[in-house]
Structures are given as structure tokens and as C-alpha cells.
Amino acid sequence: AQARRSGTWAELAAKVKAAFAQYYYVGHSLKLAQELLRLGGSLEQLTQARYSDGLVPQQDVVRAQVEKTALRSELLMLETEHHHAAARLNALLRRPPAAPLAEPQALRPLPAPAKLDYVALEARLQAANPQLAAQDAQIAAAEKNRELVTKNRYPDLTVGVSPIQTRNRVSEWELMFEVNIPLQQESRRSQEREAAAMASAARSRKDAALNQVSADLAENLSALDSARRLEQLVATALLPQADLAFKAALAGYETGKLDFATLLDAQRQIRKAKLDRLKAQAEAQMRLAEIERLLGEEL
């Protein structure tokens, strides 16, 4: 029972953590879309000014307007998704679906890589995983049943003592022996085989569960490490490069050295880099939540 309760709490905690990470991702994606929409408005004004001066074709204005409309459409979808993410998180917290939630400003820090050593975490997994604890309880119950069935092969001896009264006096004592000899040997052997098979099956289930949760641990550790490294790459290299490329494209378009298609492509690269960073951050948090669910405790 304790193992089931621990497993239930670990499962719920993992769902809450994952839902919070998704809420963070959608909320910040929504903010990014709003920023890009404002930028799209500025680019539209720029194309209109240059078109009025006869420096660019009308096609640039149309493309800027199409891009802005696409961003508005995406913004509407993100607002709906943000509402759904908030409702899911509220449901897990046993709050009304429309209950107000503060916008998450930051995600919790990831554990240091040294704390994510597979060998050390696998040892903790075997000691604390709720699923394995439940399997251990089933093995113990099966072994206990096997012991009780095995005892049936031996005769039962019952000893009793009772007084014999004569004229309100105890004149004698009666000693009784009762021996119950098991004669149905085939039935007993069948019960023993069944009990042994149940114990063996319980151990096999434990081995299978251990293999599965160990594989899940390895998979989530690898995915967490990949997400961490991707987020660092985007933050330190791709995003600064995309920002510089956009500024250069904007300056080039303003001076007539680059076309509007190049400027739009540079804007999309910034958007992609920022979204990739948000995705990597959310992915790392979800993998961490899954690792902690497997361990049955927080890191």
C-alpha cells in the first residue's frame, strides 16, 4: 500500500512539473509572437515608406502584410494553447479551470551534470523506485504463501489438556493428542508447484520492471543532456549570430543593398532560434520530471 501511495504521488508530481514546463513554454512563445508582431508592424511601415519613395516594389509591402497576418494567426492559436495549458495545470492542482495563474518567470535550475551520473542514479532507482517497491511487496507475499503451502506437507500435532471433575472436585486430568496427517499428496504437490510458479513469476516481473525503469532512466538522462547542450548552443552561438544577421539585413535593406526576402529570412531565423531555445528548456524540465518520477524523489 505504501509503495502504491508513493507511486501515485510521484506520478502526480511528475505531471505537475511537466504541465508547468509546458505552461512556461507556451507563455513565452506567446510573448515572442507578440514581440515579432510588433517588429512586423515596424517592417511594414519601413516597406511602405520605401515604396512611397519609389525605392522598392509594392510586392515588399504586400509580403510584409502577409507576414504580419500570419503572425496574428499564430498569436491567436498560441493564446488558445496558453488557455488550455493553464487549465491543465489547474486541473492537476485541483483548482477551477479558469482560476488565475501567475505567468512563470523562470524555470527551476537543472541539477549539475555531476548529480546526473547514471551509475549513482541507478542505485537510487533500485532503492526508491515505487514500481520496484511494489514488485518487492508482491515477491514477499508470494514467498510467504509458498512457505505456508510448504508447511502443509508436515503432520499437524495438537495437544490438549482438560480436567475431569467428580463431585465438584478435579479428580483426574485428561491428556489428548490429535495428529492430522496429510494424505492428499498429489493435491499438496500441485499447490506447492503453483505457489513456486507464482513466486517465480513475481521475481520475473521484478526483473522486467527493473530492466524497463533502468532503460527509461538512461533514455531520459541522455535526452536531458542533449536538451541542456542544445539550449547552451542556441543561447551562446545561434541566437547571437541570428541577431547580428538580422541587424545586418535590416541595415542592408534600408540602404538598398539587400532585398526584402533576405530581411524576412533573417527575421525568421531569430524566431526559430528563440523558439528552439524555449523548446530545449521545456524539454529538459520534462525529462528532469520523468527522472525524478523514476527515482521517487527530487534531485
Protein backbone atom coordinates (compact mmCIF):
# COMPACT_ATOMS: atom_id res chain seq x y z
CA ALA A 1 0.00 0.00 0.00
CA GLN A 2 2.82 2.38 0.85
CA ALA A 3 4.51 1.64 -2.47
CA ARG A 4 1.27 2.39 -4.33
CA ARG A 5 0.84 5.67 -2.47
CA SER A 6 4.43 6.67 -3.19
CA GLY A 7 3.98 5.77 -6.84
CA THR A 8 0.78 7.82 -7.08
CA TRP A 9 2.41 10.89 -5.55
CA ALA A 10 5.49 10.55 -7.76
CA GLU A 11 3.26 10.26 -10.84
CA LEU A 12 1.22 13.32 -9.86
CA ALA A 13 4.33 15.37 -9.10
CA ALA A 14 5.81 14.50 -12.50
CA LYS A 15 2.60 15.53 -14.26
CA VAL A 16 2.53 18.87 -12.43
CA LYS A 17 6.18 19.58 -13.28
CA ALA A 18 5.65 18.68 -16.94
CA ALA A 19 2.48 20.78 -17.13
CA PHE A 20 4.31 23.74 -15.60
CA ALA A 21 7.12 23.39 -18.15
CA GLN A 22 4.55 23.32 -20.96
CA TYR A 23 2.78 26.36 -19.47
CA TYR A 24 6.12 28.19 -19.37
CA TYR A 25 6.92 27.24 -22.97
CA VAL A 26 3.55 28.33 -24.35
CA GLY A 27 3.53 31.54 -22.31
CA HIS A 28 6.96 32.61 -23.50
CA SER A 29 6.15 31.54 -27.07
CA LEU A 30 3.15 33.85 -26.82
CA LYS A 31 5.36 36.73 -25.67
CA LEU A 32 7.76 36.02 -28.53
CA ALA A 33 4.91 36.10 -31.05
CA GLN A 34 3.76 39.45 -29.64
CA GLU A 35 7.29 40.85 -29.98
CA LEU A 36 7.54 39.60 -33.55
CA LEU A 37 4.15 41.09 -34.37
CA ARG A 38 5.36 44.49 -33.20
CA LEU A 39 8.52 44.01 -35.25
CA GLY A 40 6.39 43.01 -38.23
CA GLY A 41 4.48 46.27 -37.88
CA SER A 42 7.74 48.21 -37.95
CA LEU A 43 8.89 46.34 -41.05
CA GLU A 44 5.56 47.04 -42.74
CA GLN A 45 5.98 50.76 -42.06
CA LEU A 46 9.52 50.58 -43.41
CA THR A 47 8.41 48.94 -46.66
CA GLN A 48 5.58 51.44 -47.09
CA ALA A 49 7.97 54.37 -46.62
CA ARG A 50 10.47 52.97 -49.10
CA TYR A 51 7.69 52.13 -51.56
CA SER A 52 6.35 55.70 -51.29
CA ASP A 53 9.83 56.94 -52.16
CA GLY A 54 9.92 54.61 -55.15
CA LEU A 55 12.84 52.63 -53.75
CA VAL A 56 11.19 49.20 -53.54
CA PRO A 57 8.35 47.45 -55.39
CA GLN A 58 4.84 47.17 -53.94
CA GLN A 59 5.48 43.46 -53.55
CA ASP A 60 7.61 44.23 -50.47
CA VAL A 61 4.65 45.94 -48.78
CA VAL A 62 2.37 43.02 -49.61
CA ARG A 63 4.87 40.47 -48.30
CA ALA A 64 5.26 42.44 -45.06
CA GLN A 65 1.48 42.50 -44.64
CA VAL A 66 1.20 38.76 -45.35
CA GLU A 67 3.90 38.04 -42.77
CA LYS A 68 2.12 40.21 -40.22
CA THR A 69 -1.19 38.44 -40.87
CA ALA A 70 0.48 35.06 -40.42
CA LEU A 71 1.88 36.21 -37.08
CA ARG A 72 -1.57 37.36 -35.97
CA SER A 73 -2.98 33.94 -36.85
CA GLU A 74 -0.22 32.22 -34.89
CA LEU A 75 -0.83 34.56 -31.97
CA LEU A 76 -4.48 33.52 -31.82
CA MET A 77 -3.53 29.84 -31.78
CA LEU A 78 -0.95 30.42 -29.05
CA GLU A 79 -3.50 32.29 -26.93
CA THR A 80 -5.82 29.28 -27.16
CA GLU A 81 -3.00 26.88 -26.36
CA HIS A 82 -1.97 29.07 -23.42
CA HIS A 83 -5.51 28.89 -22.07
CA HIS A 84 -5.51 25.09 -22.40
CA ALA A 85 -2.10 24.78 -20.72
CA ALA A 86 -3.34 26.86 -17.78
CA ALA A 87 -6.49 24.73 -17.50
CA ARG A 88 -4.44 21.51 -17.47
CA LEU A 89 -2.17 22.83 -14.74
CA ASN A 90 -5.15 23.99 -12.68
CA ALA A 91 -6.77 20.57 -13.04
CA LEU A 92 -3.65 18.84 -11.71
CA LEU A 93 -3.59 21.28 -8.80
CA ARG A 94 -7.30 20.62 -8.13
CA ARG A 95 -8.25 24.21 -8.91
CA PRO A 96 -11.06 25.51 -11.15
CA PRO A 97 -10.03 25.51 -14.83
CA ALA A 98 -10.33 29.29 -15.10
CA ALA A 99 -8.53 30.04 -11.81
CA PRO A 100 -5.89 32.73 -12.36
CA LEU A 101 -2.28 31.61 -12.66
CA ALA A 102 0.76 33.83 -12.48
CA GLU A 103 2.93 33.80 -15.57
CA PRO A 104 6.08 31.78 -14.83
CA GLN A 105 9.13 34.00 -14.93
CA ALA A 106 11.75 31.26 -14.83
CA LEU A 107 12.18 27.51 -14.71
CA ARG A 108 13.87 25.77 -11.80
CA PRO A 109 17.62 25.26 -12.23
CA LEU A 110 18.76 21.96 -13.67
CA PRO A 111 20.94 19.73 -11.46
CA ALA A 112 24.67 19.91 -12.08
CA PRO A 113 25.91 17.25 -14.53
CA ALA A 114 27.81 15.59 -11.67
CA LYS A 115 24.47 14.80 -10.00
CA LEU A 116 23.20 13.06 -13.12
CA ASP A 117 25.64 10.15 -13.11
CA TYR A 118 23.83 7.05 -14.37
CA VAL A 119 25.52 4.56 -12.04
CA ALA A 120 24.72 6.59 -8.93
CA LEU A 121 21.15 7.27 -10.02
CA GLU A 122 20.55 3.63 -10.93
CA ALA A 123 21.48 2.66 -7.37
CA ARG A 124 18.97 5.20 -6.05
CA LEU A 125 16.45 3.90 -8.56
CA GLN A 126 16.71 0.34 -7.27
CA ALA A 127 16.35 1.55 -3.68
CA ALA A 128 13.50 4.03 -4.06
CA ASN A 129 11.53 3.44 -7.27
CA PRO A 130 7.84 3.00 -6.29
CA GLN A 131 7.19 0.45 -9.04
CA LEU A 132 10.09 -1.72 -7.90
CA ALA A 133 8.95 -1.38 -4.28
CA ALA A 134 5.51 -2.65 -5.30
CA GLN A 135 7.14 -5.59 -7.08
CA ASP A 136 9.18 -6.35 -3.95
CA ALA A 137 5.97 -6.45 -1.93
CA GLN A 138 4.46 -8.91 -4.39
CA ILE A 139 7.56 -11.11 -4.20
CA ALA A 140 7.40 -11.09 -0.38
CA ALA A 141 3.71 -12.05 -0.46
CA ALA A 142 4.36 -14.85 -2.96
CA GLU A 143 7.26 -16.22 -0.90
CA LYS A 144 5.15 -16.11 2.27
CA ASN A 145 2.39 -18.03 0.52
CA ARG A 146 4.96 -20.55 -0.70
CA GLU A 147 6.21 -21.08 2.86
CA LEU A 148 2.69 -21.66 4.14
CA VAL A 149 1.91 -24.14 1.37
CA THR A 150 5.18 -25.99 2.02
CA LYS A 151 4.26 -26.42 5.69
CA ASN A 152 1.22 -28.43 4.63
CA ARG A 153 3.46 -31.41 3.84
CA TYR A 154 4.12 -31.94 7.57
CA PRO A 155 1.58 -33.51 10.00
CA ASP A 156 -0.26 -31.17 12.34
CA LEU A 157 0.04 -32.14 16.01
CA THR A 158 -2.49 -30.81 18.51
CA VAL A 159 -2.11 -31.35 22.26
CA GLY A 160 -4.93 -30.69 24.71
CA VAL A 161 -5.36 -31.00 28.49
CA SER A 162 -8.72 -30.91 30.26
CA PRO A 163 -9.80 -31.61 33.89
CA ILE A 164 -12.25 -34.38 34.92
CA GLN A 165 -14.46 -33.35 37.83
CA THR A 166 -16.08 -35.66 40.38
CA ARG A 167 -18.46 -34.09 42.96
CA ASN A 168 -17.18 -30.62 42.20
CA ARG A 169 -13.62 -31.75 42.59
CA VAL A 170 -10.96 -32.26 39.95
CA SER A 171 -10.08 -35.88 40.37
CA GLU A 172 -8.29 -36.55 37.13
CA TRP A 173 -6.75 -34.86 34.12
CA GLU A 174 -7.31 -35.86 30.54
CA LEU A 175 -4.47 -35.55 28.04
CA MET A 176 -5.36 -35.60 24.34
CA PHE A 177 -3.23 -35.86 21.25
CA GLU A 178 -4.54 -35.17 17.74
CA VAL A 179 -2.47 -35.82 14.64
CA ASN A 180 -3.59 -34.60 11.22
CA ILE A 181 -1.65 -36.48 8.55
CA PRO A 182 -1.82 -35.02 5.02
CA LEU A 183 -2.87 -37.85 2.74
CA GLN A 184 -3.78 -35.95 -0.42
CA GLN A 185 -0.19 -35.82 -1.64
CA GLU A 186 -0.97 -35.03 -5.28
CA SER A 187 -3.17 -32.08 -4.33
CA ARG A 188 -0.48 -30.82 -1.95
CA ARG A 189 2.24 -31.13 -4.60
CA SER A 190 0.04 -29.26 -7.08
CA GLN A 191 -0.39 -26.43 -4.57
CA GLU A 192 3.36 -26.33 -3.97
CA ARG A 193 4.08 -26.15 -7.69
CA GLU A 194 1.53 -23.37 -8.10
CA ALA A 195 2.99 -21.39 -5.18
CA ALA A 196 6.52 -21.83 -6.56
CA ALA A 197 5.37 -20.70 -10.01
CA MET A 198 3.72 -17.61 -8.53
CA ALA A 199 6.90 -16.71 -6.64
CA SER A 200 8.99 -17.22 -9.78
CA ALA A 201 6.59 -15.10 -11.82
CA ALA A 202 6.78 -12.32 -9.23
CA ARG A 203 10.58 -12.33 -9.43
CA SER A 204 10.42 -12.30 -13.24
CA ARG A 205 8.08 -9.31 -13.16
CA LYS A 206 10.51 -7.53 -10.85
CA ASP A 207 13.41 -8.23 -13.22
CA ALA A 208 11.40 -6.98 -16.21
CA ALA A 209 10.34 -3.86 -14.32
CA LEU A 210 13.94 -3.19 -13.27
CA ASN A 211 15.15 -3.51 -16.85
CA GLN A 212 12.42 -1.16 -18.07
CA VAL A 213 12.91 1.59 -15.48
CA SER A 214 16.70 1.38 -15.91
CA ALA A 215 16.28 1.84 -19.66
CA ASP A 216 13.86 4.73 -19.04
CA LEU A 217 16.40 6.33 -16.72
CA ALA A 218 19.18 6.06 -19.30
CA GLU A 219 16.94 7.44 -22.05
CA ASN A 220 15.81 10.44 -20.00
CA LEU A 221 19.33 11.22 -18.80
CA SER A 222 20.55 11.23 -22.40
CA ALA A 223 17.65 13.41 -23.54
CA LEU A 224 18.19 15.84 -20.66
CA ASP A 225 21.87 16.17 -21.52
CA SER A 226 21.04 16.76 -25.20
CA ALA A 227 18.45 19.41 -24.33
CA ARG A 228 20.88 21.15 -21.98
CA ARG A 229 23.63 21.24 -24.62
CA LEU A 230 21.22 22.42 -27.32
CA GLU A 231 19.96 25.25 -25.12
CA GLN A 232 23.53 26.36 -24.42
CA LEU A 233 24.43 26.21 -28.12
CA VAL A 234 21.43 28.30 -29.11
CA ALA A 235 21.97 30.83 -26.31
CA THR A 236 25.70 31.29 -26.86
CA ALA A 237 26.03 30.87 -30.63
CA LEU A 238 22.91 30.59 -32.79
CA LEU A 239 20.88 33.37 -31.18
CA PRO A 240 23.69 35.99 -31.19
CA GLN A 241 24.51 35.06 -34.79
CA ALA A 242 20.87 35.33 -35.84
CA ASP A 243 20.58 38.70 -34.12
CA LEU A 244 23.65 40.03 -35.93
CA ALA A 245 22.37 38.65 -39.23
CA PHE A 246 19.02 40.40 -38.77
CA LYS A 247 20.63 43.73 -37.92
CA ALA A 248 22.88 43.44 -40.96
CA ALA A 249 19.92 42.51 -43.19
CA LEU A 250 17.88 45.43 -41.84
CA ALA A 251 20.72 47.86 -42.49
CA GLY A 252 21.24 46.36 -45.94
CA TYR A 253 17.54 46.70 -46.81
CA GLU A 254 17.41 50.30 -45.58
CA THR A 255 20.34 51.18 -47.85
CA GLY A 256 19.05 49.19 -50.80
CA LYS A 257 21.85 46.62 -50.73
CA LEU A 258 19.62 43.67 -49.77
CA ASP A 259 16.10 42.68 -50.80
CA PHE A 260 13.11 42.20 -48.51
CA ALA A 261 13.22 38.41 -48.85
CA THR A 262 16.64 38.39 -47.19
CA LEU A 263 15.33 40.56 -44.36
CA LEU A 264 12.33 38.28 -43.81
CA ASP A 265 14.57 35.22 -43.76
CA ALA A 266 16.80 36.86 -41.13
CA GLN A 267 13.73 37.66 -39.01
CA ARG A 268 12.56 34.05 -39.23
CA GLN A 269 15.99 32.79 -38.18
CA ILE A 270 15.78 34.86 -34.98
CA ARG A 271 12.31 33.50 -34.31
CA LYS A 272 13.45 29.93 -34.90
CA ALA A 273 16.47 30.32 -32.61
CA LYS A 274 14.37 31.73 -29.78
CA LEU A 275 11.74 29.00 -30.17
CA ASP A 276 14.43 26.32 -30.27
CA ARG A 277 15.82 27.65 -27.01
CA LEU A 278 12.40 27.61 -25.36
CA LYS A 279 11.76 24.08 -26.61
CA ALA A 280 15.09 22.87 -25.26
CA GLN A 281 14.41 24.46 -21.87
CA ALA A 282 10.96 22.86 -21.63
CA GLU A 283 12.27 19.50 -22.84
CA ALA A 284 14.99 19.50 -20.18
CA GLN A 285 12.42 20.22 -17.46
CA MET A 286 10.12 17.44 -18.66
CA ARG A 287 12.99 14.96 -18.75
CA LEU A 288 14.03 16.02 -15.25
CA ALA A 289 10.46 15.49 -14.03
CA GLU A 290 10.46 12.00 -15.52
CA ILE A 291 13.81 11.15 -13.91
CA GLU A 292 12.51 12.27 -10.52
CA ARG A 293 9.36 10.18 -11.04
CA LEU A 294 11.51 7.13 -11.67
CA LEU A 295 13.61 7.84 -8.58
CA GLY A 296 10.59 8.55 -6.41
CA GLU A 297 12.32 11.67 -5.08
CA GLU A 298 13.67 15.03 -6.24
CA LEU A 299 17.25 15.59 -7.25
